[in-house]
Each structure stands twice: as C-alpha cells, then as structure tokens.
C-alpha cells in the first residue's frame, strides 16, 4: 500500500513510500538489507526531507519489534515483516511570497 505523507513537502512534494508486508508460511532465517533508515532523503531547493524507512518484525501473536536496516532474524510460521520504504524529498520552497 502507499505510505501516506512520507514524502517531503515543497513546491513539488516528494513521492510517498510504500508499505510491504511479507508473511512467512514456514520457519526460516530471513535477511533484510535496506537504506535510508537513519538519514532522511534530502529535499532540494528549499524542499523538506522525506521520512526515513522502517522495518518491523510482526510475530504471529501480534507483537512487533523494530529491525535494523541490515538484519538477520529467525521467523516462525505466521510471522511477518513490514517494510516501510522512505519517502522522497520535496523540491522547492512550499512558501510563496506575494
């Protein structure tokens, strides 16, 4: 799904990220390698930065744990990973002078 309001504001707002959820049908080891989890995607020409990304492990019982940008975990049947990708930085100042 679309990650609403994750793009930076500007004369031209940055694009929204997405939310991906992957549910595991059997126990296994999973790896994730992702970026922009600590440093926000920058805006240009006065535009604001977009939101950083997030990675969550959602256990079958509903509890959640935040994962690092690069992580290796063991998952069981019914567990899921939710990946919130970063939004893009905005372009241009969002304030206008008259």
PDB file of N, CA and C in Angstrom:
ATOM      1  N   UNK A   1       0.844  -1.179   0.000  1.00  0.00           N
ATOM      2  CA  UNK A   1       0.000   0.000   0.000  1.00  0.00           C
ATOM      3  C   UNK A   1       0.889   1.242   0.000  1.00  0.00           C
ATOM      4  N   UNK A   2       0.294   2.373  -0.246  1.00  0.00           N
ATOM      5  CA  UNK A   2       1.005   3.653  -0.223  1.00  0.00           C
ATOM      6  C   UNK A   2       1.240   4.060   1.227  1.00  0.00           C
ATOM      7  N   UNK A   3       2.404   4.607   1.509  1.00  0.00           N
ATOM      8  CA  UNK A   3       2.728   5.137   2.846  1.00  0.00           C
ATOM      9  C   UNK A   3       2.408   6.630   2.838  1.00  0.00           C
ATOM     10  N   UNK A   4       1.210   7.011   3.302  1.00  0.00           N
ATOM     11  CA  UNK A   4       0.761   8.399   3.168  1.00  0.00           C
ATOM     12  C   UNK A   4       1.665   9.391   3.906  1.00  0.00           C
ATOM     13  N   UNK A   5       1.828  10.548   3.302  1.00  0.00           N
ATOM     14  CA  UNK A   5       2.545  11.690   3.860  1.00  0.00           C
ATOM     15  C   UNK A   5       3.994  11.376   4.220  1.00  0.00           C
ATOM     16  N   UNK A   6       4.606  10.425   3.517  1.00  0.00           N
ATOM     17  CA  UNK A   6       6.010  10.114   3.780  1.00  0.00           C
ATOM     18  C   UNK A   6       6.953  10.939   2.908  1.00  0.00           C
ATOM     19  N   UNK A   7       6.416  11.573   1.870  1.00  0.00           N
ATOM     20  CA  UNK A   7       7.225  12.441   1.022  1.00  0.00           C
ATOM     21  C   UNK A   7       7.383  13.814   1.643  1.00  0.00           C
ATOM     22  N   UNK A   8       8.544  14.450   1.398  1.00  0.00           N
ATOM     23  CA  UNK A   8       8.809  15.788   1.929  1.00  0.00           C
ATOM     24  C   UNK A   8       7.955  16.852   1.248  1.00  0.00           C
ATOM     25  N   UNK A   9       7.608  17.885   1.995  1.00  0.00           N
ATOM     26  CA  UNK A   9       6.819  18.993   1.449  1.00  0.00           C
ATOM     27  C   UNK A   9       7.713  19.908   0.620  1.00  0.00           C
ATOM     28  N   UNK A  10       7.120  20.583  -0.335  1.00  0.00           N
ATOM     29  CA  UNK A  10       7.833  21.525  -1.173  1.00  0.00           C
ATOM     30  C   UNK A  10       6.882  22.089  -2.205  1.00  0.00           C
ATOM     31  N   UNK A  11       7.410  22.935  -3.082  1.00  0.00           N
ATOM     32  CA  UNK A  11       6.591  23.400  -4.195  1.00  0.00           C
ATOM     33  C   UNK A  11       6.102  22.175  -4.965  1.00  0.00           C
ATOM     34  N   UNK A  12       6.974  21.195  -5.071  1.00  0.00           N
ATOM     35  CA  UNK A  12       6.629  19.888  -5.628  1.00  0.00           C
ATOM     36  C   UNK A  12       6.951  18.860  -4.549  1.00  0.00           C
ATOM     37  N   UNK A  13       5.923  18.294  -3.935  1.00  0.00           N
ATOM     38  CA  UNK A  13       6.119  17.340  -2.847  1.00  0.00           C
ATOM     39  C   UNK A  13       6.854  16.101  -3.338  1.00  0.00           C
ATOM     40  N   UNK A  14       7.657  15.532  -2.434  1.00  0.00           N
ATOM     41  CA  UNK A  14       8.341  14.279  -2.736  1.00  0.00           C
ATOM     42  C   UNK A  14       7.341  13.128  -2.798  1.00  0.00           C
ATOM     43  N   UNK A  15       7.677  12.095  -3.498  1.00  0.00           N
ATOM     44  CA  UNK A  15       6.787  10.942  -3.634  1.00  0.00           C
ATOM     45  C   UNK A  15       6.664  10.162  -2.334  1.00  0.00           C
ATOM     46  N   UNK A  16       5.512   9.561  -2.149  1.00  0.00           N
ATOM     47  CA  UNK A  16       5.286   8.731  -0.971  1.00  0.00           C
ATOM     48  C   UNK A  16       5.979   7.386  -1.128  1.00  0.00           C
ATOM     49  N   UNK A  17       6.405   6.825   0.004  1.00  0.00           N
ATOM     50  CA  UNK A  17       6.949   5.479   0.014  1.00  0.00           C
ATOM     51  C   UNK A  17       5.807   4.467  -0.015  1.00  0.00           C
ATOM     52  N   UNK A  18       6.149   3.220   0.137  1.00  0.00           N
ATOM     53  CA  UNK A  18       5.149   2.157   0.159  1.00  0.00           C
ATOM     54  C   UNK A  18       5.324   1.316   1.425  1.00  0.00           C
ATOM     55  N   UNK A  19       4.316   0.539   1.740  1.00  0.00           N
ATOM     56  CA  UNK A  19       4.364  -0.408   2.846  1.00  0.00           C
ATOM     57  C   UNK A  19       4.198  -1.796   2.247  1.00  0.00           C
ATOM     58  N   UNK A  20       5.178  -2.647   2.517  1.00  0.00           N
ATOM     59  CA  UNK A  20       5.118  -4.031   2.049  1.00  0.00           C
ATOM     60  C   UNK A  20       5.060  -4.931   3.274  1.00  0.00           C
ATOM     61  N   UNK A  21       4.209  -5.911   3.230  1.00  0.00           N
ATOM     62  CA  UNK A  21       4.112  -6.874   4.328  1.00  0.00           C
ATOM     63  C   UNK A  21       4.296  -8.267   3.743  1.00  0.00           C
ATOM     64  N   UNK A  22       5.252  -8.989   4.297  1.00  0.00           N
ATOM     65  CA  UNK A  22       5.570 -10.330   3.827  1.00  0.00           C
ATOM     66  C   UNK A  22       5.322 -11.291   4.981  1.00  0.00           C
ATOM     67  N   UNK A  23       4.391 -12.223   4.783  1.00  0.00           N
ATOM     68  CA  UNK A  23       4.092 -13.198   5.830  1.00  0.00           C
ATOM     69  C   UNK A  23       4.747 -14.529   5.466  1.00  0.00           C
ATOM     70  N   UNK A  24       5.335 -15.166   6.470  1.00  0.00           N
ATOM     71  CA  UNK A  24       6.068 -16.402   6.257  1.00  0.00           C
ATOM     72  C   UNK A  24       5.164 -17.605   6.478  1.00  0.00           C
ATOM     73  N   UNK A  25       5.232 -18.553   5.566  1.00  0.00           N
ATOM     74  CA  UNK A  25       4.390 -19.747   5.625  1.00  0.00           C
ATOM     75  C   UNK A  25       5.112 -20.922   6.263  1.00  0.00           C
ATOM     76  N   UNK A  26       6.401 -20.747   6.560  1.00  0.00           N
ATOM     77  CA  UNK A  26       7.160 -21.771   7.269  1.00  0.00           C
ATOM     78  C   UNK A  26       8.325 -21.103   7.992  1.00  0.00           C
ATOM     79  N   UNK A  27       8.869 -21.785   8.979  1.00  0.00           N
ATOM     80  CA  UNK A  27      10.002 -21.255   9.738  1.00  0.00           C
ATOM     81  C   UNK A  27      11.232 -21.170   8.839  1.00  0.00           C
ATOM     82  N   UNK A  28      11.996 -20.094   8.999  1.00  0.00           N
ATOM     83  CA  UNK A  28      13.208 -19.904   8.199  1.00  0.00           C
ATOM     84  C   UNK A  28      14.039 -18.777   8.785  1.00  0.00           C
ATOM     85  N   UNK A  29      15.185 -18.556   8.185  1.00  0.00           N
ATOM     86  CA  UNK A  29      16.018 -17.399   8.502  1.00  0.00           C
ATOM     87  C   UNK A  29      15.786 -16.370   7.406  1.00  0.00           C
ATOM     88  N   UNK A  30      15.551 -15.122   7.814  1.00  0.00           N
ATOM     89  CA  UNK A  30      15.306 -14.042   6.854  1.00  0.00           C
ATOM     90  C   UNK A  30      16.375 -12.966   7.020  1.00  0.00           C
ATOM     91  N   UNK A  31      16.762 -12.375   5.913  1.00  0.00           N
ATOM     92  CA  UNK A  31      17.723 -11.269   5.903  1.00  0.00           C
ATOM     93  C   UNK A  31      17.076 -10.054   5.275  1.00  0.00           C
ATOM     94  N   UNK A  32      17.420  -8.880   5.795  1.00  0.00           N
ATOM     95  CA  UNK A  32      16.973  -7.646   5.162  1.00  0.00           C
ATOM     96  C   UNK A  32      18.169  -6.721   5.018  1.00  0.00           C
ATOM     97  N   UNK A  33      18.249  -6.070   3.872  1.00  0.00           N
ATOM     98  CA  UNK A  33      19.288  -5.097   3.577  1.00  0.00           C
ATOM     99  C   UNK A  33      18.578  -3.886   3.003  1.00  0.00           C
ATOM    100  N   UNK A  34      18.536  -2.800   3.756  1.00  0.00           N
ATOM    101  CA  UNK A  34      17.790  -1.624   3.326  1.00  0.00           C
ATOM    102  C   UNK A  34      18.568  -0.360   3.672  1.00  0.00           C
ATOM    103  N   UNK A  35      18.175   0.742   3.085  1.00  0.00           N
ATOM    104  CA  UNK A  35      18.845   2.021   3.304  1.00  0.00           C
ATOM    105  C   UNK A  35      17.871   3.106   3.716  1.00  0.00           C
ATOM    106  N   UNK A  36      18.426   4.259   4.036  1.00  0.00           N
ATOM    107  CA  UNK A  36      17.642   5.437   4.452  1.00  0.00           C
ATOM    108  C   UNK A  36      16.797   5.150   5.685  1.00  0.00           C
ATOM    109  N   UNK A  37      17.388   4.436   6.650  1.00  0.00           N
ATOM    110  CA  UNK A  37      16.686   4.138   7.900  1.00  0.00           C
ATOM    111  C   UNK A  37      17.090   5.104   9.010  1.00  0.00           C
ATOM    112  N   UNK A  38      18.215   5.818   8.835  1.00  0.00           N
ATOM    113  CA  UNK A  38      18.659   6.800   9.826  1.00  0.00           C
ATOM    114  C   UNK A  38      18.742   8.201   9.245  1.00  0.00           C
ATOM    115  N   UNK A  39      19.155   8.321   8.002  1.00  0.00           N
ATOM    116  CA  UNK A  39      19.298   9.619   7.355  1.00  0.00           C
ATOM    117  C   UNK A  39      18.118   9.833   6.409  1.00  0.00           C
ATOM    118  N   UNK A  40      17.407  10.945   6.618  1.00  0.00           N
ATOM    119  CA  UNK A  40      16.235  11.239   5.776  1.00  0.00           C
ATOM    120  C   UNK A  40      16.648  11.558   4.347  1.00  0.00           C
ATOM    121  N   UNK A  41      15.846  11.150   3.353  1.00  0.00           N
ATOM    122  CA  UNK A  41      16.099  11.559   1.970  1.00  0.00           C
ATOM    123  C   UNK A  41      15.966  13.083   1.866  1.00  0.00           C
ATOM    124  N   UNK A  42      17.007  13.732   1.426  1.00  0.00           N
ATOM    125  CA  UNK A  42      17.031  15.196   1.451  1.00  0.00           C
ATOM    126  C   UNK A  42      16.131  15.818   0.398  1.00  0.00           C
ATOM    127  N   UNK A  43      15.672  17.040   0.704  1.00  0.00           N
ATOM    128  CA  UNK A  43      14.944  17.848  -0.263  1.00  0.00           C
ATOM    129  C   UNK A  43      15.916  18.743  -1.014  1.00  0.00           C
ATOM    130  N   UNK A  44      15.457  19.338  -2.095  1.00  0.00           N
ATOM    131  CA  UNK A  44      16.288  20.231  -2.894  1.00  0.00           C
ATOM    132  C   UNK A  44      15.634  21.596  -3.027  1.00  0.00           C
ATOM    133  N   UNK A  45      16.457  22.624  -3.172  1.00  0.00           N
ATOM    134  CA  UNK A  45      15.989  23.995  -3.425  1.00  0.00           C
ATOM    135  C   UNK A  45      14.944  24.449  -2.408  1.00  0.00           C
ATOM    136  N   UNK A  46      15.171  24.116  -1.139  1.00  0.00           N
ATOM    137  CA  UNK A  46      14.254  24.531  -0.084  1.00  0.00           C
ATOM    138  C   UNK A  46      13.171  23.529   0.247  1.00  0.00           C
ATOM    139  N   UNK A  47      13.125  22.410  -0.451  1.00  0.00           N
ATOM    140  CA  UNK A  47      12.136  21.370  -0.146  1.00  0.00           C
ATOM    141  C   UNK A  47      12.515  20.612   1.119  1.00  0.00           C
ATOM    142  N   UNK A  48      11.518  20.088   1.795  1.00  0.00           N
ATOM    143  CA  UNK A  48      11.755  19.354   3.037  1.00  0.00           C
ATOM    144  C   UNK A  48      12.175  17.912   2.754  1.00  0.00           C
ATOM    145  N   UNK A  49      12.846  17.312   3.730  1.00  0.00           N
ATOM    146  CA  UNK A  49      13.274  15.919   3.619  1.00  0.00           C
ATOM    147  C   UNK A  49      12.067  14.982   3.689  1.00  0.00           C
ATOM    148  N   UNK A  50      12.196  13.827   3.068  1.00  0.00           N
ATOM    149  CA  UNK A  50      11.181  12.786   3.191  1.00  0.00           C
ATOM    150  C   UNK A  50      11.380  12.016   4.490  1.00  0.00           C
ATOM    151  N   UNK A  51      10.457  11.142   4.817  1.00  0.00           N
ATOM    152  CA  UNK A  51      10.545  10.328   6.031  1.00  0.00           C
ATOM    153  C   UNK A  51      11.525   9.176   5.833  1.00  0.00           C
ATOM    154  N   UNK A  52      12.193   8.792   6.904  1.00  0.00           N
ATOM    155  CA  UNK A  52      13.063   7.623   6.839  1.00  0.00           C
ATOM    156  C   UNK A  52      12.214   6.360   6.733  1.00  0.00           C
ATOM    157  N   UNK A  53      12.834   5.276   6.321  1.00  0.00           N
ATOM    158  CA  UNK A  53      12.155   3.994   6.247  1.00  0.00           C
ATOM    159  C   UNK A  53      12.189   3.276   7.591  1.00  0.00           C
ATOM    160  N   UNK A  54      11.375   2.242   7.723  1.00  0.00           N
ATOM    161  CA  UNK A  54      11.292   1.430   8.935  1.00  0.00           C
ATOM    162  C   UNK A  54      11.135  -0.029   8.528  1.00  0.00           C
ATOM    163  N   UNK A  55      11.631  -0.916   9.376  1.00  0.00           N
ATOM    164  CA  UNK A  55      11.432  -2.353   9.193  1.00  0.00           C
ATOM    165  C   UNK A  55      10.908  -2.914  10.507  1.00  0.00           C
ATOM    166  N   UNK A  56       9.823  -3.667  10.468  1.00  0.00           N
ATOM    167  CA  UNK A  56       9.249  -4.256  11.679  1.00  0.00           C
ATOM    168  C   UNK A  56       9.062  -5.753  11.499  1.00  0.00           C
ATOM    169  N   UNK A  57       9.352  -6.492  12.549  1.00  0.00           N
ATOM    170  CA  UNK A  57       9.005  -7.902  12.630  1.00  0.00           C
ATOM    171  C   UNK A  57       7.690  -7.981  13.386  1.00  0.00           C
ATOM    172  N   UNK A  58       6.697  -8.625  12.799  1.00  0.00           N
ATOM    173  CA  UNK A  58       5.391  -8.801  13.434  1.00  0.00           C
ATOM    174  C   UNK A  58       5.229 -10.292  13.716  1.00  0.00           C
ATOM    175  N   UNK A  59       5.253 -10.640  14.993  1.00  0.00           N
ATOM    176  CA  UNK A  59       5.122 -12.045  15.371  1.00  0.00           C
ATOM    177  C   UNK A  59       3.681 -12.503  15.217  1.00  0.00           C
ATOM    178  N   UNK A  60       3.482 -13.795  15.117  1.00  0.00           N
ATOM    179  CA  UNK A  60       2.145 -14.366  14.924  1.00  0.00           C
ATOM    180  C   UNK A  60       1.186 -13.958  16.045  1.00  0.00           C
ATOM    181  N   UNK A  61       1.720 -13.670  17.248  1.00  0.00           N
ATOM    182  CA  UNK A  61       0.860 -13.253  18.367  1.00  0.00           C
ATOM    183  C   UNK A  61       0.492 -11.770  18.308  1.00  0.00           C
ATOM    184  N   UNK A  62       1.007 -11.030  17.305  1.00  0.00           N
ATOM    185  CA  UNK A  62       0.670  -9.623  17.126  1.00  0.00           C
ATOM    186  C   UNK A  62       1.697  -8.651  17.684  1.00  0.00           C
ATOM    187  N   UNK A  63       2.651  -9.115  18.464  1.00  0.00           N
ATOM    188  CA  UNK A  63       3.678  -8.218  18.999  1.00  0.00           C
ATOM    189  C   UNK A  63       4.656  -7.829  17.888  1.00  0.00           C
ATOM    190  N   UNK A  64       5.250  -6.638  18.030  1.00  0.00           N
ATOM    191  CA  UNK A  64       6.154  -6.139  16.998  1.00  0.00           C
ATOM    192  C   UNK A  64       7.508  -5.773  17.599  1.00  0.00           C
ATOM    193  N   UNK A  65       8.525  -5.863  16.751  1.00  0.00           N
ATOM    194  CA  UNK A  65       9.888  -5.474  17.098  1.00  0.00           C
ATOM    195  C   UNK A  65      10.458  -4.722  15.911  1.00  0.00           C
ATOM    196  N   UNK A  66      11.117  -3.593  16.174  1.00  0.00           N
ATOM    197  CA  UNK A  66      11.758  -2.863  15.086  1.00  0.00           C
ATOM    198  C   UNK A  66      13.054  -3.562  14.708  1.00  0.00           C
ATOM    199  N   UNK A  67      13.289  -3.686  13.412  1.00  0.00           N
ATOM    200  CA  UNK A  67      14.501  -4.314  12.890  1.00  0.00           C
ATOM    201  C   UNK A  67      15.482  -3.238  12.437  1.00  0.00           C
ATOM    202  N   UNK A  68      16.750  -3.578  12.421  1.00  0.00           N
ATOM    203  CA  UNK A  68      17.768  -2.675  11.908  1.00  0.00           C
ATOM    204  C   UNK A  68      17.690  -2.618  10.384  1.00  0.00           C
ATOM    205  N   UNK A  69      18.409  -1.673   9.798  1.00  0.00           N
ATOM    206  CA  UNK A  69      18.434  -1.542   8.341  1.00  0.00           C
ATOM    207  C   UNK A  69      18.998  -2.795   7.688  1.00  0.00           C
ATOM    208  N   UNK A  70      19.999  -3.392   8.325  1.00  0.00           N
ATOM    209  CA  UNK A  70      20.577  -4.658   7.885  1.00  0.00           C
ATOM    210  C   UNK A  70      20.425  -5.626   9.047  1.00  0.00           C
ATOM    211  N   UNK A  71      19.691  -6.697   8.838  1.00  0.00           N
ATOM    212  CA  UNK A  71      19.383  -7.586   9.951  1.00  0.00           C
ATOM    213  C   UNK A  71      19.181  -9.009   9.446  1.00  0.00           C
ATOM    214  N   UNK A  72      19.450  -9.968  10.318  1.00  0.00           N
ATOM    215  CA  UNK A  72      19.175 -11.378  10.075  1.00  0.00           C
ATOM    216  C   UNK A  72      18.362 -11.884  11.254  1.00  0.00           C
ATOM    217  N   UNK A  73      17.220 -12.503  10.972  1.00  0.00           N
ATOM    218  CA  UNK A  73      16.330 -12.968  12.040  1.00  0.00           C
ATOM    219  C   UNK A  73      15.808 -14.360  11.712  1.00  0.00           C
ATOM    220  N   UNK A  74      15.403 -15.067  12.746  1.00  0.00           N
ATOM    221  CA  UNK A  74      14.705 -16.340  12.567  1.00  0.00           C
ATOM    222  C   UNK A  74      13.217 -16.051  12.719  1.00  0.00           C
ATOM    223  N   UNK A  75      12.423 -16.539  11.783  1.00  0.00           N
ATOM    224  CA  UNK A  75      10.974 -16.338  11.809  1.00  0.00           C
ATOM    225  C   UNK A  75      10.276 -17.686  11.869  1.00  0.00           C
ATOM    226  N   UNK A  76       9.082 -17.675  12.438  1.00  0.00           N
ATOM    227  CA  UNK A  76       8.255 -18.875  12.516  1.00  0.00           C
ATOM    228  C   UNK A  76       7.051 -18.735  11.602  1.00  0.00           C
ATOM    229  N   UNK A  77       6.342 -19.809  11.394  1.00  0.00           N
ATOM    230  CA  UNK A  77       5.122 -19.791  10.587  1.00  0.00           C
ATOM    231  C   UNK A  77       4.156 -18.746  11.145  1.00  0.00           C
ATOM    232  N   UNK A  78       3.651 -17.896  10.284  1.00  0.00           N
ATOM    233  CA  UNK A  78       2.700 -16.861  10.688  1.00  0.00           C
ATOM    234  C   UNK A  78       3.322 -15.529  11.030  1.00  0.00           C
ATOM    235  N   UNK A  79       4.638 -15.474  11.242  1.00  0.00           N
ATOM    236  CA  UNK A  79       5.310 -14.197  11.471  1.00  0.00           C
ATOM    237  C   UNK A  79       5.343 -13.413  10.155  1.00  0.00           C
ATOM    238  N   UNK A  80       5.571 -12.104  10.255  1.00  0.00           N
ATOM    239  CA  UNK A  80       5.618 -11.256   9.066  1.00  0.00           C
ATOM    240  C   UNK A  80       6.660 -10.167   9.243  1.00  0.00           C
ATOM    241  N   UNK A  81       7.120  -9.636   8.140  1.00  0.00           N
ATOM    242  CA  UNK A  81       7.979  -8.458   8.135  1.00  0.00           C
ATOM    243  C   UNK A  81       7.208  -7.354   7.420  1.00  0.00           C
ATOM    244  N   UNK A  82       7.160  -6.173   8.041  1.00  0.00           N
ATOM    245  CA  UNK A  82       6.568  -4.994   7.396  1.00  0.00           C
ATOM    246  C   UNK A  82       7.713  -4.053   7.047  1.00  0.00           C
ATOM    247  N   UNK A  83       7.781  -3.666   5.781  1.00  0.00           N
ATOM    248  CA  UNK A  83       8.827  -2.781   5.275  1.00  0.00           C
ATOM    249  C   UNK A  83       8.169  -1.474   4.857  1.00  0.00           C
ATOM    250  N   UNK A  84       8.550  -0.398   5.531  1.00  0.00           N
ATOM    251  CA  UNK A  84       8.044   0.935   5.218  1.00  0.00           C
ATOM    252  C   UNK A  84       9.163   1.661   4.476  1.00  0.00           C
ATOM    253  N   UNK A  85       9.026   1.826   3.160  1.00  0.00           N
ATOM    254  CA  UNK A  85      10.099   2.460   2.397  1.00  0.00           C
ATOM    255  C   UNK A  85      10.073   3.969   2.626  1.00  0.00           C
ATOM    256  N   UNK A  86      11.243   4.628   2.487  1.00  0.00           N
ATOM    257  CA  UNK A  86      11.295   6.073   2.720  1.00  0.00           C
ATOM    258  C   UNK A  86      10.538   6.835   1.640  1.00  0.00           C
ATOM    259  N   UNK A  87      10.123   8.042   2.004  1.00  0.00           N
ATOM    260  CA  UNK A  87       9.511   8.943   1.028  1.00  0.00           C
ATOM    261  C   UNK A  87      10.586   9.794   0.374  1.00  0.00           C
ATOM    262  N   UNK A  88      10.290  10.338  -0.770  1.00  0.00           N
ATOM    263  CA  UNK A  88      11.243  11.195  -1.465  1.00  0.00           C
ATOM    264  C   UNK A  88      11.259  12.595  -0.897  1.00  0.00           C
ATOM    265  N   UNK A  89      12.385  13.266  -1.052  1.00  0.00           N
ATOM    266  CA  UNK A  89      12.487  14.659  -0.621  1.00  0.00           C
ATOM    267  C   UNK A  89      11.710  15.580  -1.544  1.00  0.00           C
ATOM    268  N   UNK A  90      11.183  16.667  -0.988  1.00  0.00           N
ATOM    269  CA  UNK A  90      10.453  17.660  -1.781  1.00  0.00           C
ATOM    270  C   UNK A  90      11.397  18.554  -2.560  1.00  0.00           C
ATOM    271  N   UNK A  91      10.845  19.257  -3.538  1.00  0.00           N
ATOM    272  CA  UNK A  91      11.644  20.197  -4.350  1.00  0.00           C
ATOM    273  C   UNK A  91      11.034  21.584  -4.271  1.00  0.00           C
ATOM    274  N   UNK A  92      11.845  22.575  -3.978  1.00  0.00           N
ATOM    275  CA  UNK A  92      11.393  23.964  -3.958  1.00  0.00           C
ATOM    276  C   UNK A  92      10.680  24.318  -2.668  1.00  0.00           C
ATOM    277  N   UNK A  93      10.768  25.567  -2.302  1.00  0.00           N
ATOM    278  CA  UNK A  93      10.119  26.052  -1.083  1.00  0.00           C
ATOM    279  C   UNK A  93       8.602  25.961  -1.209  1.00  0.00           C
ATOM    280  N   UNK A  94       7.962  25.506  -0.131  1.00  0.00           N
ATOM    281  CA  UNK A  94       6.497  25.392  -0.161  1.00  0.00           C
ATOM    282  C   UNK A  94       5.819  26.703   0.179  1.00  0.00           C
ATOM    283  N   UNK A  95       6.595  27.689   0.614  1.00  0.00           N
ATOM    284  CA  UNK A  95       6.020  29.004   0.918  1.00  0.00           C
ATOM    285  C   UNK A  95       6.143  29.888  -0.322  1.00  0.00           C
ATOM    286  N   UNK A  96       5.117  30.644  -0.572  1.00  0.00           N
ATOM    287  CA  UNK A  96       5.156  31.570  -1.711  1.00  0.00           C
ATOM    288  C   UNK A  96       5.039  32.994  -1.204  1.00  0.00           C
ATOM    289  N   UNK A  97       5.708  33.908  -1.851  1.00  0.00           N
ATOM    290  CA  UNK A  97       5.626  35.321  -1.492  1.00  0.00           C
ATOM    291  C   UNK A  97       4.790  36.042  -2.543  1.00  0.00           C
ATOM    292  N   UNK A  98       3.959  36.939  -2.061  1.00  0.00           N
ATOM    293  CA  UNK A  98       3.077  37.676  -2.986  1.00  0.00           C
ATOM    294  C   UNK A  98       3.529  39.117  -3.059  1.00  0.00           C
TER     295      UNK A  98
END
